C-alpha atoms as a PDB file:
ATOM      1  CA  MET A   1      98.379  98.583 119.498  1.00  0.00           C
ATOM      2  CA  ASN A   2      99.334  96.688 116.347  1.00  0.00           C
ATOM      3  CA  PRO A   3     102.852  96.979 114.854  1.00  0.00           C
ATOM      4  CA  TRP A   4     101.511  99.202 112.056  1.00  0.00           C
ATOM      5  CA  GLU A   5     100.293 101.845 114.538  1.00  0.00           C
ATOM      6  CA  ALA A   6     103.372 101.509 116.764  1.00  0.00           C
ATOM      7  CA  GLN A   7     105.791 102.353 113.956  1.00  0.00           C
ATOM      8  CA  PRO A   8     107.389 105.814 114.409  1.00  0.00           C
ATOM      9  CA  GLU A   9     107.172 108.210 111.464  1.00  0.00           C
ATOM     10  CA  GLU A  10     110.917 108.840 111.450  1.00  0.00           C
ATOM     11  CA  THR A  11     113.901 106.626 112.202  1.00  0.00           C
ATOM     12  CA  GLN A  12     114.973 106.970 115.820  1.00  0.00           C
ATOM     13  CA  PHE A  13     118.386 105.250 115.704  1.00  0.00           C
ATOM     14  CA  THR A  14     121.314 106.657 117.612  1.00  0.00           C
ATOM     15  CA  PRO A  15     124.420 106.993 115.403  1.00  0.00           C
ATOM     16  CA  GLU A  16     125.757 103.746 116.906  1.00  0.00           C
ATOM     17  CA  GLU A  17     122.468 101.903 116.277  1.00  0.00           C
ATOM     18  CA  GLN A  18     122.410 103.140 112.691  1.00  0.00           C
ATOM     19  CA  THR A  19     125.921 101.758 112.133  1.00  0.00           C
ATOM     20  CA  GLN A  20     124.869  98.414 113.662  1.00  0.00           C
ATOM     21  CA  PHE A  21     121.674  98.282 111.622  1.00  0.00           C
ATOM     22  CA  LEU A  22     123.433  99.023 108.328  1.00  0.00           C
ATOM     23  CA  ALA A  23     126.000  96.303 109.075  1.00  0.00           C
ATOM     24  CA  LEU A  24     123.242  93.804 109.883  1.00  0.00           C
ATOM     25  CA  ALA A  25     121.151  94.841 106.861  1.00  0.00           C
ATOM     26  CA  LYS A  26     123.956  93.623 104.597  1.00  0.00           C
ATOM     27  CA  LYS A  27     123.196  90.116 105.883  1.00  0.00           C
ATOM     28  CA  LEU A  28     119.499  90.215 104.943  1.00  0.00           C
ATOM     29  CA  GLY A  29     118.587  87.647 102.319  1.00  0.00           C
ATOM     30  CA  TRP A  30     116.361  88.844  99.497  1.00  0.00           C
ATOM     31  CA  LYS A  31     114.580  85.494  99.105  1.00  0.00           C
ATOM     32  CA  ARG A  32     112.558  86.046 102.288  1.00  0.00           C
ATOM     33  CA  THR A  33     114.493  83.628 104.445  1.00  0.00           C
ATOM     34  CA  GLY A  34     113.763  84.398 108.047  1.00  0.00           C
ATOM     35  CA  LYS A  35     110.036  84.997 108.437  1.00  0.00           C
ATOM     36  CA  ASP A  36     110.437  87.194 111.521  1.00  0.00           C
ATOM     37  CA  VAL A  37     112.962  89.462 109.796  1.00  0.00           C
ATOM     38  CA  PHE A  38     110.780  89.707 106.681  1.00  0.00           C
ATOM     39  CA  GLU A  39     107.696  90.515 108.735  1.00  0.00           C
ATOM     40  CA  ALA A  40     109.605  93.147 110.726  1.00  0.00           C
ATOM     41  CA  PHE A  41     109.495  95.256 107.559  1.00  0.00           C
ATOM     42  CA  PHE A  42     105.667  95.030 107.295  1.00  0.00           C
ATOM     43  CA  PRO A  43     104.974  98.329 109.071  1.00  0.00           C
ATOM     44  CA  ILE A  44     107.833 100.101 107.281  1.00  0.00           C
ATOM     45  CA  PHE A  45     107.715  99.390 103.546  1.00  0.00           C
ATOM     46  CA  PRO A  46     104.888  98.777 101.081  1.00  0.00           C
ATOM     47  CA  PHE A  47     105.056  95.381  99.395  1.00  0.00           C
ATOM     48  CA  VAL A  48     103.864  94.471  95.901  1.00  0.00           C
ATOM     49  CA  VAL A  49     101.702  91.364  95.679  1.00  0.00           C
ATOM     50  CA  CYS A  50     100.259  89.612  92.632  1.00  0.00           C
ATOM     51  CA  GLU A  51      96.716  88.305  93.192  1.00  0.00           C
ATOM     52  CA  LEU A  52      95.634  85.639  90.718  1.00  0.00           C
ATOM     53  CA  ALA A  53      92.033  85.194  89.667  1.00  0.00           C
ATOM     54  CA  VAL A  54      92.423  81.747  88.105  1.00  0.00           C
ATOM     55  CA  VAL A  55      89.312  81.331  85.968  1.00  0.00           C
ATOM     56  CA  ARG A  56      88.086  78.023  84.576  1.00  0.00           C
ATOM     57  CA  HIS A  57      84.829  77.458  82.739  1.00  0.00           C
ATOM     58  CA  ILE A  58      83.012  74.412  84.118  1.00  0.00           C
ATOM     59  CA  ASN A  59      79.835  73.423  82.275  1.00  0.00           C
ATOM     60  CA  GLY A  60      79.928  76.815  80.566  1.00  0.00           C
ATOM     61  CA  VAL A  61      79.995  78.728  83.882  1.00  0.00           C
ATOM     62  CA  PRO A  62      83.076  80.753  84.912  1.00  0.00           C
ATOM     63  CA  HIS A  63      84.580  79.498  88.184  1.00  0.00           C
ATOM     64  CA  ILE A  64      87.339  81.004  90.326  1.00  0.00           C
ATOM     65  CA  LEU A  65      90.023  79.024  92.166  1.00  0.00           C
ATOM     66  CA  LEU A  66      90.043  79.604  95.934  1.00  0.00           C
ATOM     67  CA  TRP A  67      91.789  77.856  98.791  1.00  0.00           C
ATOM     68  CA  HIS A  68      91.442  78.160 102.545  1.00  0.00           C
ATOM     69  CA  ARG A  69      94.057  79.831 104.702  1.00  0.00           C
ATOM     70  CA  ASP A  70      94.150  79.855 108.490  1.00  0.00           C
ATOM     71  CA  ASP A  71      97.240  81.482 109.984  1.00  0.00           C
ATOM     72  CA  GLU A  72      98.293  84.541 111.967  1.00  0.00           C
ATOM     73  CA  HIS A  73      97.518  86.884 109.052  1.00  0.00           C
ATOM     74  CA  TYR A  74      94.394  85.510 107.364  1.00  0.00           C
ATOM     75  CA  LYS A  75      91.526  83.142 108.025  1.00  0.00           C
ATOM     76  CA  GLY A  76      89.251  82.378 105.107  1.00  0.00           C
ATOM     77  CA  TRP A  77      89.113  81.523 101.432  1.00  0.00           C
ATOM     78  CA  HIS A  78      91.274  83.460  98.998  1.00  0.00           C
ATOM     79  CA  MET A  79      92.761  83.439  95.550  1.00  0.00           C
ATOM     80  CA  PRO A  80      96.392  82.441  95.007  1.00  0.00           C
ATOM     81  CA  GLY A  81      98.769  85.340  95.530  1.00  0.00           C
ATOM     82  CA  GLY A  82     102.281  86.231  96.528  1.00  0.00           C
ATOM     83  CA  TYR A  83     104.863  88.954  96.816  1.00  0.00           C
ATOM     84  CA  VAL A  84     107.023  90.142  93.935  1.00  0.00           C
ATOM     85  CA  LEU A  85     110.600  89.205  94.819  1.00  0.00           C
ATOM     86  CA  ARG A  86     113.612  91.410  94.235  1.00  0.00           C
ATOM     87  CA  GLY A  87     114.623  91.524  90.569  1.00  0.00           C
ATOM     88  CA  GLU A  88     111.597  89.508  89.472  1.00  0.00           C
ATOM     89  CA  GLN A  89     109.467  90.527  86.502  1.00  0.00           C
ATOM     90  CA  VAL A  90     105.750  90.582  87.329  1.00  0.00           C
ATOM     91  CA  GLU A  91     104.977  87.807  84.830  1.00  0.00           C
ATOM     92  CA  GLU A  92     107.642  85.684  86.529  1.00  0.00           C
ATOM     93  CA  THR A  93     105.902  86.309  89.855  1.00  0.00           C
ATOM     94  CA  VAL A  94     102.547  85.245  88.420  1.00  0.00           C
ATOM     95  CA  ARG A  95     104.027  82.004  87.031  1.00  0.00           C
ATOM     96  CA  ARG A  96     105.983  81.243  90.221  1.00  0.00           C
ATOM     97  CA  VAL A  97     103.109  81.931  92.608  1.00  0.00           C
ATOM     98  CA  LEU A  98     100.587  79.978  90.562  1.00  0.00           C
ATOM     99  CA  PHE A  99     102.859  76.941  90.413  1.00  0.00           C
ATOM    100  CA  GLN A 100     104.035  77.134  94.051  1.00  0.00           C
ATOM    101  CA  GLU A 101     100.538  77.500  95.471  1.00  0.00           C
ATOM    102  CA  THR A 102      98.565  75.265  93.108  1.00  0.00           C
ATOM    103  CA  GLY A 103     100.929  73.121  91.037  1.00  0.00           C
ATOM    104  CA  LEU A 104      99.239  74.518  87.912  1.00  0.00           C
ATOM    105  CA  THR A 105     101.049  75.941  84.908  1.00  0.00           C
ATOM    106  CA  LEU A 106     100.093  79.399  83.691  1.00  0.00           C
ATOM    107  CA  GLN A 107      98.594  79.570  80.208  1.00  0.00           C
ATOM    108  CA  ASN A 108      97.644  83.258  80.127  1.00  0.00           C
ATOM    109  CA  ALA A 109      97.620  86.251  82.490  1.00  0.00           C
ATOM    110  CA  GLU A 110      95.793  89.516  81.832  1.00  0.00           C
ATOM    111  CA  PHE A 111      96.441  92.476  84.125  1.00  0.00           C
ATOM    112  CA  VAL A 112      93.112  93.823  85.411  1.00  0.00           C
ATOM    113  CA  ARG A 113      93.968  96.655  87.825  1.00  0.00           C
ATOM    114  CA  TYR A 114      95.820  97.508  91.009  1.00  0.00           C
ATOM    115  CA  PHE A 115      94.506  97.937  94.553  1.00  0.00           C
ATOM    116  CA  ASN A 116      96.176  99.880  97.375  1.00  0.00           C
ATOM    117  CA  TRP A 117      95.607  98.052 100.698  1.00  0.00           C
ATOM    118  CA  TYR A 118      96.842  98.826 104.191  1.00  0.00           C
ATOM    119  CA  PRO A 119      95.553  97.955 107.680  1.00  0.00           C
ATOM    120  CA  ALA A 120      93.294 101.025 107.871  1.00  0.00           C
ATOM    121  CA  ASN A 121      91.312 100.050 104.742  1.00  0.00           C
ATOM    122  CA  ALA A 122      91.581  96.232 104.605  1.00  0.00           C
ATOM    123  CA  PRO A 123      92.436  93.300 106.887  1.00  0.00           C
ATOM    124  CA  VAL A 124      96.025  93.003 105.628  1.00  0.00           C
ATOM    125  CA  PRO A 125      99.173  92.743 107.805  1.00  0.00           C
ATOM    126  CA  ASN A 126     101.098  95.431 105.904  1.00  0.00           C
ATOM    127  CA  HIS A 127     100.846  98.015 103.146  1.00  0.00           C
ATOM    128  CA  GLN A 128     100.282  96.114  99.888  1.00  0.00           C
ATOM    129  CA  VAL A 129      99.991  97.292  96.345  1.00  0.00           C
ATOM    130  CA  ALA A 130      98.070  94.376  94.863  1.00  0.00           C
ATOM    131  CA  LEU A 131      98.233  93.680  91.141  1.00  0.00           C
ATOM    132  CA  LEU A 132      95.155  91.716  90.092  1.00  0.00           C
ATOM    133  CA  PHE A 133      95.489  89.297  87.177  1.00  0.00           C
ATOM    134  CA  ARG A 134      92.829  87.222  85.433  1.00  0.00           C
ATOM    135  CA  CYS A 135      94.578  83.943  84.652  1.00  0.00           C
ATOM    136  CA  THR A 136      94.002  80.697  82.851  1.00  0.00           C
ATOM    137  CA  ALA A 137      95.981  77.628  83.783  1.00  0.00           C
ATOM    138  CA  ASP A 138      96.455  74.115  82.467  1.00  0.00           C
ATOM    139  CA  GLU A 139      93.576  71.694  82.882  1.00  0.00           C
ATOM    140  CA  GLY A 140      95.163  69.767  85.762  1.00  0.00           C
ATOM    141  CA  GLU A 141      93.713  69.690  89.239  1.00  0.00           C
ATOM    142  CA  PRO A 142      95.181  72.145  91.752  1.00  0.00           C
ATOM    143  CA  ARG A 143      97.214  70.765  94.667  1.00  0.00           C
ATOM    144  CA  GLN A 144      94.985  72.699  96.992  1.00  0.00           C
ATOM    145  CA  GLY A 145      91.796  74.647  96.666  1.00  0.00           C
ATOM    146  CA  LYS A 146      88.626  74.330  94.711  1.00  0.00           C
ATOM    147  CA  TYR A 147      86.863  76.102  91.858  1.00  0.00           C
ATOM    148  CA  TYR A 148      83.725  78.059  92.798  1.00  0.00           C
ATOM    149  CA  PRO A 149      81.236  79.839  90.535  1.00  0.00           C
ATOM    150  CA  PHE A 150      81.814  83.617  90.717  1.00  0.00           C
ATOM    151  CA  ASP A 151      78.423  84.098  92.349  1.00  0.00           C
ATOM    152  CA  ALA A 152      78.741  81.221  94.864  1.00  0.00           C
ATOM    153  CA  THR A 153      82.011  81.756  96.704  1.00  0.00           C
ATOM    154  CA  PRO A 154      82.247  80.800 100.387  1.00  0.00           C
ATOM    155  CA  SER A 155      80.885  83.367 102.844  1.00  0.00           C
ATOM    156  CA  ASP A 156      84.248  83.487 104.643  1.00  0.00           C
ATOM    157  CA  THR A 157      86.170  84.595 101.545  1.00  0.00           C
ATOM    158  CA  LEU A 158      88.612  87.332 102.591  1.00  0.00           C
ATOM    159  CA  SER A 159      86.918  90.723 102.253  1.00  0.00           C
ATOM    160  CA  HIS A 160      89.526  92.239  99.957  1.00  0.00           C
ATOM    161  CA  HIS A 161      89.382  89.135  97.746  1.00  0.00           C
ATOM    162  CA  LYS A 162      85.588  89.540  97.593  1.00  0.00           C
ATOM    163  CA  GLU A 163      86.288  93.027  96.278  1.00  0.00           C
ATOM    164  CA  TYR A 164      88.564  91.581  93.586  1.00  0.00           C
ATOM    165  CA  LEU A 165      85.810  89.187  92.557  1.00  0.00           C
ATOM    166  CA  THR A 166      83.188  91.927  92.573  1.00  0.00           C
ATOM    167  CA  TYR A 167      85.407  94.022  90.325  1.00  0.00           C
ATOM    168  CA  LEU A 168      86.027  91.084  87.973  1.00  0.00           C
ATOM    169  CA  PHE A 169      82.334  90.259  87.909  1.00  0.00           C
ATOM    170  CA  LYS A 170      81.410  93.829  86.931  1.00  0.00           C
ATOM    171  CA  LYS A 171      84.032  93.905  84.178  1.00  0.00           C
ATOM    172  CA  LYS A 172      82.949  90.799  82.279  1.00  0.00           C
END
């Protein structure tokens, strides 16, 4: 059983455990320090993620920036993306994530639509409300990843990212 399915519907703390938890919760850092602590909240709270469709025209053909990920949560090609941090404006998230993951500077970001993902409808580790942005970046080369034509992305592109691309493709 995965952690998502094992999560009880209601809190089952004893009064003493609740007091301990609330005292410990005051020590939680909001900048996601402590991967295990952060991931312990995956089955409990929805997270907001910004997914960035970084588009660049190469020889007149629109290309999308993808990079390969292979870890405990995902294996395959995907677009840059990251969680909205506490107190952060969405545009700040888009700029931060783009730079952290690619080294590129954001030129423009256009909100496209949101997606509501959770383990029962997508291969994601938690409940995510994904905000999809079509972005343009500076002309530099990304630190990681590669630009692919919309219609020639790798076959092992993450399924929910394929859905983003399909939606983008239909819209333009």
